[in-house]
Amino acid sequence: MAKQPNVISHWYQLVESFQASPLAFYQAIEAALESRKVPELQNSRTEFKEGGMLTSHREYLRIVRGRYRFDICAAPFGTGFFFSSWLTEIKSPFGWLYLLAFILAADVAWAIVFGLSARLFGVLNAFPIATVGVSVLAWAVGYGTREGMLDLEEIILTTPFIGMIYENLFNPPTFYNLDTALMFQQAVHNAVLEVIDGMVAAKGLRALSDLERKPILKAFAKSA
């Protein structure tokens, strides 16, 4: 990763004398999450370099809900096999470009509405009509994103200023939002442990201890 993300929690475990298929592991986690019916969940695969330039890529399972995402890795390590998960807050190096694109889109929308309104209602009336029209359009985009009708939440949340406005209007910080964020973390972590338990049990290996199951929490409450 070129830039260290805002890490909320991290978990890892090396299982000695054990080998498995990372693909099968990811598919089993997706199935475990599907059975839990976690709302507003998006799964995908992403790749990170193992080191610097010219190094190989390692495939991760990415699980996203709102402004948070899990990147889960499974890979061989010597004669063992390791599992890890990183819960991070979504960031993007393109935030300022997104802001510029939103500003340009708002200008174009305002010009179109203004032009139509000026022809129909006159120039003086076109100013307030265009302003109100673009404001309504912006509200509709925010509402549609929040309700899942538009797949723009990751972009909006990583856009300076606009992300803050979106959160305050459509997804303000509340006890419920913090609770559901924590439940998202717990559900994904439980699914990971459930799959690992099944895999090591099938090989006749010992189950993970209570201490080995605990993630390292950092600053969830601060960022939620």
C-alpha atoms as a PDB file:
ATOM      1  CA  MET A   1       0.000   0.000   0.000  1.00  0.00           C
ATOM      2  CA  ALA A   2       1.483   3.295  -1.071  1.00  0.00           C
ATOM      3  CA  LYS A   3      -0.293   5.252   1.617  1.00  0.00           C
ATOM      4  CA  GLN A   4      -1.144   3.956   5.076  1.00  0.00           C
ATOM      5  CA  PRO A   5      -4.930   4.047   5.510  1.00  0.00           C
ATOM      6  CA  ASN A   6      -6.760   5.065   8.651  1.00  0.00           C
ATOM      7  CA  VAL A   7      -6.671   1.699  10.424  1.00  0.00           C
ATOM      8  CA  ILE A   8      -9.451   1.101  12.942  1.00  0.00           C
ATOM      9  CA  SER A   9      -8.628  -2.485  13.828  1.00  0.00           C
ATOM     10  CA  HIS A  10      -6.253  -5.208  12.738  1.00  0.00           C
ATOM     11  CA  TRP A  11      -6.266  -8.955  13.287  1.00  0.00           C
ATOM     12  CA  TYR A  12      -3.841 -11.661  12.199  1.00  0.00           C
ATOM     13  CA  GLN A  13      -3.025 -15.258  12.963  1.00  0.00           C
ATOM     14  CA  LEU A  14      -0.440 -17.747  11.714  1.00  0.00           C
ATOM     15  CA  VAL A  15      -1.518 -21.398  11.732  1.00  0.00           C
ATOM     16  CA  GLU A  16       1.510 -23.675  11.774  1.00  0.00           C
ATOM     17  CA  SER A  17       1.780 -26.803   9.605  1.00  0.00           C
ATOM     18  CA  PHE A  18      -1.307 -25.844   7.650  1.00  0.00           C
ATOM     19  CA  GLN A  19      -2.016 -25.028   4.010  1.00  0.00           C
ATOM     20  CA  ALA A  20      -5.223 -23.924   2.314  1.00  0.00           C
ATOM     21  CA  SER A  21      -6.578 -22.240  -0.785  1.00  0.00           C
ATOM     22  CA  PRO A  22      -6.969 -18.453  -0.410  1.00  0.00           C
ATOM     23  CA  LEU A  23      -9.725 -18.503  -3.039  1.00  0.00           C
ATOM     24  CA  ALA A  24     -11.681 -21.162  -1.154  1.00  0.00           C
ATOM     25  CA  PHE A  25     -11.214 -19.177   2.063  1.00  0.00           C
ATOM     26  CA  TYR A  26     -12.589 -15.985   0.485  1.00  0.00           C
ATOM     27  CA  GLN A  27     -15.541 -17.826  -1.021  1.00  0.00           C
ATOM     28  CA  ALA A  28     -16.337 -19.413   2.354  1.00  0.00           C
ATOM     29  CA  ILE A  29     -16.313 -15.986   4.040  1.00  0.00           C
ATOM     30  CA  GLU A  30     -18.648 -14.580   1.389  1.00  0.00           C
ATOM     31  CA  ALA A  31     -21.005 -17.514   1.983  1.00  0.00           C
ATOM     32  CA  ALA A  32     -20.826 -17.025   5.766  1.00  0.00           C
ATOM     33  CA  LEU A  33     -21.690 -13.336   5.393  1.00  0.00           C
ATOM     34  CA  GLU A  34     -24.505 -14.111   2.984  1.00  0.00           C
ATOM     35  CA  SER A  35     -26.079 -16.386   5.588  1.00  0.00           C
ATOM     36  CA  ARG A  36     -25.899 -13.532   8.127  1.00  0.00           C
ATOM     37  CA  LYS A  37     -27.810 -11.135   5.812  1.00  0.00           C
ATOM     38  CA  VAL A  38     -25.677  -8.149   6.827  1.00  0.00           C
ATOM     39  CA  PRO A  39     -27.380  -5.091   5.255  1.00  0.00           C
ATOM     40  CA  GLU A  40     -25.699  -2.744   2.767  1.00  0.00           C
ATOM     41  CA  LEU A  41     -22.720  -5.034   2.244  1.00  0.00           C
ATOM     42  CA  GLN A  42     -20.549  -5.030  -0.886  1.00  0.00           C
ATOM     43  CA  ASN A  43     -17.936  -7.694  -1.659  1.00  0.00           C
ATOM     44  CA  SER A  44     -15.123  -7.480  -4.187  1.00  0.00           C
ATOM     45  CA  ARG A  45     -11.534  -8.570  -4.778  1.00  0.00           C
ATOM     46  CA  THR A  46      -8.623  -6.164  -4.763  1.00  0.00           C
ATOM     47  CA  GLU A  47      -4.871  -6.493  -5.131  1.00  0.00           C
ATOM     48  CA  PHE A  48      -2.023  -4.973  -3.125  1.00  0.00           C
ATOM     49  CA  LYS A  49       1.666  -5.241  -3.915  1.00  0.00           C
ATOM     50  CA  GLU A  50       3.650  -7.503  -1.606  1.00  0.00           C
ATOM     51  CA  GLY A  51       6.394  -4.878  -1.420  1.00  0.00           C
ATOM     52  CA  GLY A  52       7.684  -2.069  -3.622  1.00  0.00           C
ATOM     53  CA  MET A  53       7.821  -1.703  -7.382  1.00  0.00           C
ATOM     54  CA  LEU A  54       8.101  -4.857  -9.497  1.00  0.00           C
ATOM     55  CA  THR A  55       6.953  -7.090  -6.637  1.00  0.00           C
ATOM     56  CA  SER A  56       4.072  -9.529  -7.006  1.00  0.00           C
ATOM     57  CA  HIS A  57       0.480  -8.668  -6.202  1.00  0.00           C
ATOM     58  CA  ARG A  58      -1.504 -10.350  -3.459  1.00  0.00           C
ATOM     59  CA  GLU A  59      -5.271 -10.715  -3.802  1.00  0.00           C
ATOM     60  CA  TYR A  60      -7.442  -9.604  -0.874  1.00  0.00           C
ATOM     61  CA  LEU A  61     -11.133  -9.980  -0.193  1.00  0.00           C
ATOM     62  CA  ARG A  62     -12.661  -6.528   0.284  1.00  0.00           C
ATOM     63  CA  ILE A  63     -15.906  -6.074   2.222  1.00  0.00           C
ATOM     64  CA  VAL A  64     -17.416  -2.590   2.326  1.00  0.00           C
ATOM     65  CA  ARG A  65     -20.270  -1.088   4.296  1.00  0.00           C
ATOM     66  CA  GLY A  66     -20.730   2.680   4.237  1.00  0.00           C
ATOM     67  CA  ARG A  67     -17.494   4.470   5.117  1.00  0.00           C
ATOM     68  CA  TYR A  68     -15.777   1.327   6.462  1.00  0.00           C
ATOM     69  CA  ARG A  69     -14.124  -1.566   4.716  1.00  0.00           C
ATOM     70  CA  PHE A  70     -12.403  -4.829   5.560  1.00  0.00           C
ATOM     71  CA  ASP A  71      -9.441  -6.047   3.519  1.00  0.00           C
ATOM     72  CA  ILE A  72      -8.926  -9.719   4.309  1.00  0.00           C
ATOM     73  CA  CYS A  73      -5.867 -11.717   3.299  1.00  0.00           C
ATOM     74  CA  ALA A  74      -5.003 -15.418   3.372  1.00  0.00           C
ATOM     75  CA  ALA A  75      -1.646 -16.711   2.152  1.00  0.00           C
ATOM     76  CA  PRO A  76       1.013 -19.364   2.781  1.00  0.00           C
ATOM     77  CA  PHE A  77       3.933 -18.423   5.018  1.00  0.00           C
ATOM     78  CA  GLY A  78       6.662 -21.052   5.075  1.00  0.00           C
ATOM     79  CA  THR A  79       5.140 -24.330   6.217  1.00  0.00           C
ATOM     80  CA  GLY A  80       2.201 -22.469   7.756  1.00  0.00           C
ATOM     81  CA  PHE A  81      -0.635 -20.307   6.563  1.00  0.00           C
ATOM     82  CA  PHE A  82      -1.609 -16.865   7.802  1.00  0.00           C
ATOM     83  CA  PHE A  83      -4.871 -14.958   7.935  1.00  0.00           C
ATOM     84  CA  SER A  84      -5.244 -11.226   8.466  1.00  0.00           C
ATOM     85  CA  SER A  85      -7.939  -8.564   8.325  1.00  0.00           C
ATOM     86  CA  TRP A  86      -7.669  -4.783   8.255  1.00  0.00           C
ATOM     87  CA  LEU A  87     -10.680  -2.642   9.112  1.00  0.00           C
ATOM     88  CA  THR A  88     -10.108   0.829   7.700  1.00  0.00           C
ATOM     89  CA  GLU A  89     -11.959   4.041   7.061  1.00  0.00           C
ATOM     90  CA  ILE A  90     -12.389   4.694   3.356  1.00  0.00           C
ATOM     91  CA  LYS A  91      -9.930   7.237   1.982  1.00  0.00           C
ATOM     92  CA  SER A  92      -9.011   8.124  -1.579  1.00  0.00           C
ATOM     93  CA  PRO A  93      -6.070   9.985  -3.153  1.00  0.00           C
ATOM     94  CA  PHE A  94      -8.540  11.370  -5.684  1.00  0.00           C
ATOM     95  CA  GLY A  95     -10.691  13.291  -3.188  1.00  0.00           C
ATOM     96  CA  TRP A  96      -9.832  16.715  -4.560  1.00  0.00           C
ATOM     97  CA  LEU A  97     -10.430  15.539  -8.129  1.00  0.00           C
ATOM     98  CA  TYR A  98     -13.855  14.288  -7.040  1.00  0.00           C
ATOM     99  CA  LEU A  99     -14.541  17.722  -5.542  1.00  0.00           C
ATOM    100  CA  LEU A 100     -13.607  19.416  -8.809  1.00  0.00           C
ATOM    101  CA  ALA A 101     -15.853  17.024 -10.740  1.00  0.00           C
ATOM    102  CA  PHE A 102     -18.804  17.750  -8.405  1.00  0.00           C
ATOM    103  CA  ILE A 103     -18.263  21.506  -8.782  1.00  0.00           C
ATOM    104  CA  LEU A 104     -18.150  21.242 -12.576  1.00  0.00           C
ATOM    105  CA  ALA A 105     -21.254  19.038 -12.596  1.00  0.00           C
ATOM    106  CA  ALA A 106     -23.113  21.558 -10.391  1.00  0.00           C
ATOM    107  CA  ASP A 107     -22.051  24.433 -12.685  1.00  0.00           C
ATOM    108  CA  VAL A 108     -23.249  22.585 -15.780  1.00  0.00           C
ATOM    109  CA  ALA A 109     -26.564  21.677 -14.110  1.00  0.00           C
ATOM    110  CA  TRP A 110     -27.042  25.281 -12.931  1.00  0.00           C
ATOM    111  CA  ALA A 111     -26.318  26.632 -16.443  1.00  0.00           C
ATOM    112  CA  ILE A 112     -28.793  24.238 -18.052  1.00  0.00           C
ATOM    113  CA  VAL A 113     -31.573  25.006 -15.575  1.00  0.00           C
ATOM    114  CA  PHE A 114     -30.819  28.734 -15.772  1.00  0.00           C
ATOM    115  CA  GLY A 115     -30.965  28.717 -19.568  1.00  0.00           C
ATOM    116  CA  LEU A 116     -34.289  26.899 -19.655  1.00  0.00           C
ATOM    117  CA  SER A 117     -35.763  29.064 -16.887  1.00  0.00           C
ATOM    118  CA  ALA A 118     -34.626  32.298 -18.562  1.00  0.00           C
ATOM    119  CA  ARG A 119     -36.474  31.359 -21.730  1.00  0.00           C
ATOM    120  CA  LEU A 120     -39.645  30.421 -19.896  1.00  0.00           C
ATOM    121  CA  PHE A 121     -39.757  32.852 -16.955  1.00  0.00           C
ATOM    122  CA  GLY A 122     -37.247  35.602 -17.691  1.00  0.00           C
ATOM    123  CA  VAL A 123     -33.670  36.230 -16.513  1.00  0.00           C
ATOM    124  CA  LEU A 124     -34.576  37.636 -13.082  1.00  0.00           C
ATOM    125  CA  ASN A 125     -36.680  34.624 -12.177  1.00  0.00           C
ATOM    126  CA  ALA A 126     -34.096  32.227 -13.614  1.00  0.00           C
ATOM    127  CA  PHE A 127     -31.553  32.906 -10.851  1.00  0.00           C
ATOM    128  CA  PRO A 128     -33.652  31.634  -7.908  1.00  0.00           C
ATOM    129  CA  ILE A 129     -35.169  28.845 -10.006  1.00  0.00           C
ATOM    130  CA  ALA A 130     -31.747  27.565 -11.053  1.00  0.00           C
ATOM    131  CA  THR A 131     -30.412  27.789  -7.503  1.00  0.00           C
ATOM    132  CA  VAL A 132     -33.373  25.923  -6.042  1.00  0.00           C
ATOM    133  CA  GLY A 133     -33.335  23.401  -8.868  1.00  0.00           C
ATOM    134  CA  VAL A 134     -29.673  22.504  -8.394  1.00  0.00           C
ATOM    135  CA  SER A 135     -30.172  22.321  -4.616  1.00  0.00           C
ATOM    136  CA  VAL A 136     -33.065  19.883  -5.099  1.00  0.00           C
ATOM    137  CA  LEU A 137     -30.955  17.851  -7.528  1.00  0.00           C
ATOM    138  CA  ALA A 138     -28.089  17.704  -5.017  1.00  0.00           C
ATOM    139  CA  TRP A 139     -30.502  16.584  -2.283  1.00  0.00           C
ATOM    140  CA  ALA A 140     -31.900  13.900  -4.614  1.00  0.00           C
ATOM    141  CA  VAL A 141     -28.391  12.602  -5.340  1.00  0.00           C
ATOM    142  CA  GLY A 142     -27.599  12.494  -1.619  1.00  0.00           C
ATOM    143  CA  TYR A 143     -30.854  10.747  -0.754  1.00  0.00           C
ATOM    144  CA  GLY A 144     -30.499   8.282  -3.634  1.00  0.00           C
ATOM    145  CA  THR A 145     -26.965   7.471  -2.520  1.00  0.00           C
ATOM    146  CA  ARG A 146     -28.003   6.952   1.089  1.00  0.00           C
ATOM    147  CA  GLU A 147     -30.836   4.634   0.041  1.00  0.00           C
ATOM    148  CA  GLY A 148     -28.580   2.603  -2.241  1.00  0.00           C
ATOM    149  CA  MET A 149     -30.211   3.743  -5.487  1.00  0.00           C
ATOM    150  CA  LEU A 150     -26.945   5.392  -6.595  1.00  0.00           C
ATOM    151  CA  ASP A 151     -23.565   3.730  -6.117  1.00  0.00           C
ATOM    152  CA  LEU A 152     -21.743   6.926  -5.147  1.00  0.00           C
ATOM    153  CA  GLU A 153     -21.254   6.674  -1.388  1.00  0.00           C
ATOM    154  CA  GLU A 154     -17.559   5.749  -1.452  1.00  0.00           C
ATOM    155  CA  ILE A 155     -16.824   8.646  -3.817  1.00  0.00           C
ATOM    156  CA  ILE A 156     -18.899  11.148  -1.837  1.00  0.00           C
ATOM    157  CA  LEU A 157     -17.445  10.142   1.533  1.00  0.00           C
ATOM    158  CA  THR A 158     -13.894  10.620   0.270  1.00  0.00           C
ATOM    159  CA  THR A 159     -14.638  14.044  -1.260  1.00  0.00           C
ATOM    160  CA  PRO A 160     -13.509  17.026   0.873  1.00  0.00           C
ATOM    161  CA  PHE A 161     -16.355  19.207   2.202  1.00  0.00           C
ATOM    162  CA  ILE A 162     -19.031  17.333   0.243  1.00  0.00           C
ATOM    163  CA  GLY A 163     -18.433  14.178   2.285  1.00  0.00           C
ATOM    164  CA  MET A 164     -18.893  16.139   5.503  1.00  0.00           C
ATOM    165  CA  ILE A 165     -22.103  17.751   4.220  1.00  0.00           C
ATOM    166  CA  TYR A 166     -23.429  14.370   3.093  1.00  0.00           C
ATOM    167  CA  GLU A 167     -22.761  12.800   6.482  1.00  0.00           C
ATOM    168  CA  ASN A 168     -24.390  15.652   8.389  1.00  0.00           C
ATOM    169  CA  LEU A 169     -27.528  15.619   6.224  1.00  0.00           C
ATOM    170  CA  PHE A 170     -27.997  11.957   5.346  1.00  0.00           C
ATOM    171  CA  ASN A 171     -25.848   9.878   7.682  1.00  0.00           C
ATOM    172  CA  PRO A 172     -25.112  11.908  10.839  1.00  0.00           C
ATOM    173  CA  PRO A 173     -23.068  10.372  13.670  1.00  0.00           C
ATOM    174  CA  THR A 174     -25.523   8.779  16.079  1.00  0.00           C
ATOM    175  CA  PHE A 175     -25.456   5.987  18.650  1.00  0.00           C
ATOM    176  CA  TYR A 176     -27.279   3.801  16.124  1.00  0.00           C
ATOM    177  CA  ASN A 177     -24.697   4.451  13.407  1.00  0.00           C
ATOM    178  CA  LEU A 178     -21.887   3.641  15.809  1.00  0.00           C
ATOM    179  CA  ASP A 179     -23.684   0.485  16.948  1.00  0.00           C
ATOM    180  CA  THR A 180     -24.232  -0.719  13.368  1.00  0.00           C
ATOM    181  CA  ALA A 181     -20.608   0.036  12.487  1.00  0.00           C
ATOM    182  CA  LEU A 182     -19.487  -2.065  15.437  1.00  0.00           C
ATOM    183  CA  MET A 183     -21.930  -4.827  14.445  1.00  0.00           C
ATOM    184  CA  PHE A 184     -20.465  -4.766  10.930  1.00  0.00           C
ATOM    185  CA  GLN A 185     -17.025  -5.262  12.415  1.00  0.00           C
ATOM    186  CA  GLN A 186     -18.244  -8.081  14.672  1.00  0.00           C
ATOM    187  CA  ALA A 187     -20.193  -9.854  11.930  1.00  0.00           C
ATOM    188  CA  VAL A 188     -17.260  -9.908   9.511  1.00  0.00           C
ATOM    189  CA  HIS A 189     -14.790 -10.952  12.199  1.00  0.00           C
ATOM    190  CA  ASN A 190     -17.154 -13.729  13.348  1.00  0.00           C
ATOM    191  CA  ALA A 191     -17.471 -14.951   9.763  1.00  0.00           C
ATOM    192  CA  VAL A 192     -13.678 -15.043   9.395  1.00  0.00           C
ATOM    193  CA  LEU A 193     -13.276 -17.012  12.638  1.00  0.00           C
ATOM    194  CA  GLU A 194     -16.100 -19.370  11.707  1.00  0.00           C
ATOM    195  CA  VAL A 195     -14.428 -20.265   8.411  1.00  0.00           C
ATOM    196  CA  ILE A 196     -10.990 -20.677  10.014  1.00  0.00           C
ATOM    197  CA  ASP A 197     -12.468 -22.896  12.746  1.00  0.00           C
ATOM    198  CA  GLY A 198     -13.972 -25.158  10.117  1.00  0.00           C
ATOM    199  CA  MET A 199     -10.763 -25.331   8.081  1.00  0.00           C
ATOM    200  CA  VAL A 200      -8.438 -26.149  10.999  1.00  0.00           C
ATOM    201  CA  ALA A 201     -10.920 -28.635  12.480  1.00  0.00           C
ATOM    202  CA  ALA A 202     -11.029 -30.459   9.141  1.00  0.00           C
ATOM    203  CA  LYS A 203      -7.231 -30.860   9.379  1.00  0.00           C
ATOM    204  CA  GLY A 204      -7.387 -32.041  12.981  1.00  0.00           C
ATOM    205  CA  LEU A 205      -5.604 -28.951  14.318  1.00  0.00           C
ATOM    206  CA  ARG A 206      -6.386 -27.104  17.541  1.00  0.00           C
ATOM    207  CA  ALA A 207      -8.903 -24.276  17.521  1.00  0.00           C
ATOM    208  CA  LEU A 208      -7.778 -20.704  18.068  1.00  0.00           C
ATOM    209  CA  SER A 209      -7.670 -19.569  21.679  1.00  0.00           C
ATOM    210  CA  ASP A 210      -9.756 -16.681  23.014  1.00  0.00           C
ATOM    211  CA  LEU A 211      -6.704 -14.417  22.961  1.00  0.00           C
ATOM    212  CA  GLU A 212      -5.885 -15.365  19.375  1.00  0.00           C
ATOM    213  CA  ARG A 213      -9.405 -14.425  18.308  1.00  0.00           C
ATOM    214  CA  LYS A 214      -9.317 -10.827  19.522  1.00  0.00           C
ATOM    215  CA  PRO A 215      -8.646  -8.026  17.005  1.00  0.00           C
ATOM    216  CA  ILE A 216      -6.468  -5.063  17.904  1.00  0.00           C
ATOM    217  CA  LEU A 217      -8.858  -2.111  18.161  1.00  0.00           C
ATOM    218  CA  LYS A 218      -7.510   1.377  17.534  1.00  0.00           C
ATOM    219  CA  ALA A 219      -9.918   4.314  17.163  1.00  0.00           C
ATOM    220  CA  PHE A 220     -13.341   3.100  16.074  1.00  0.00           C
ATOM    221  CA  ALA A 221     -15.381   5.391  18.297  1.00  0.00           C
ATOM    222  CA  LYS A 222     -13.368   8.432  17.223  1.00  0.00           C
ATOM    223  CA  SER A 223     -13.867   7.837  13.506  1.00  0.00           C
ATOM    224  CA  ALA A 224     -17.427   6.487  13.546  1.00  0.00           C
END
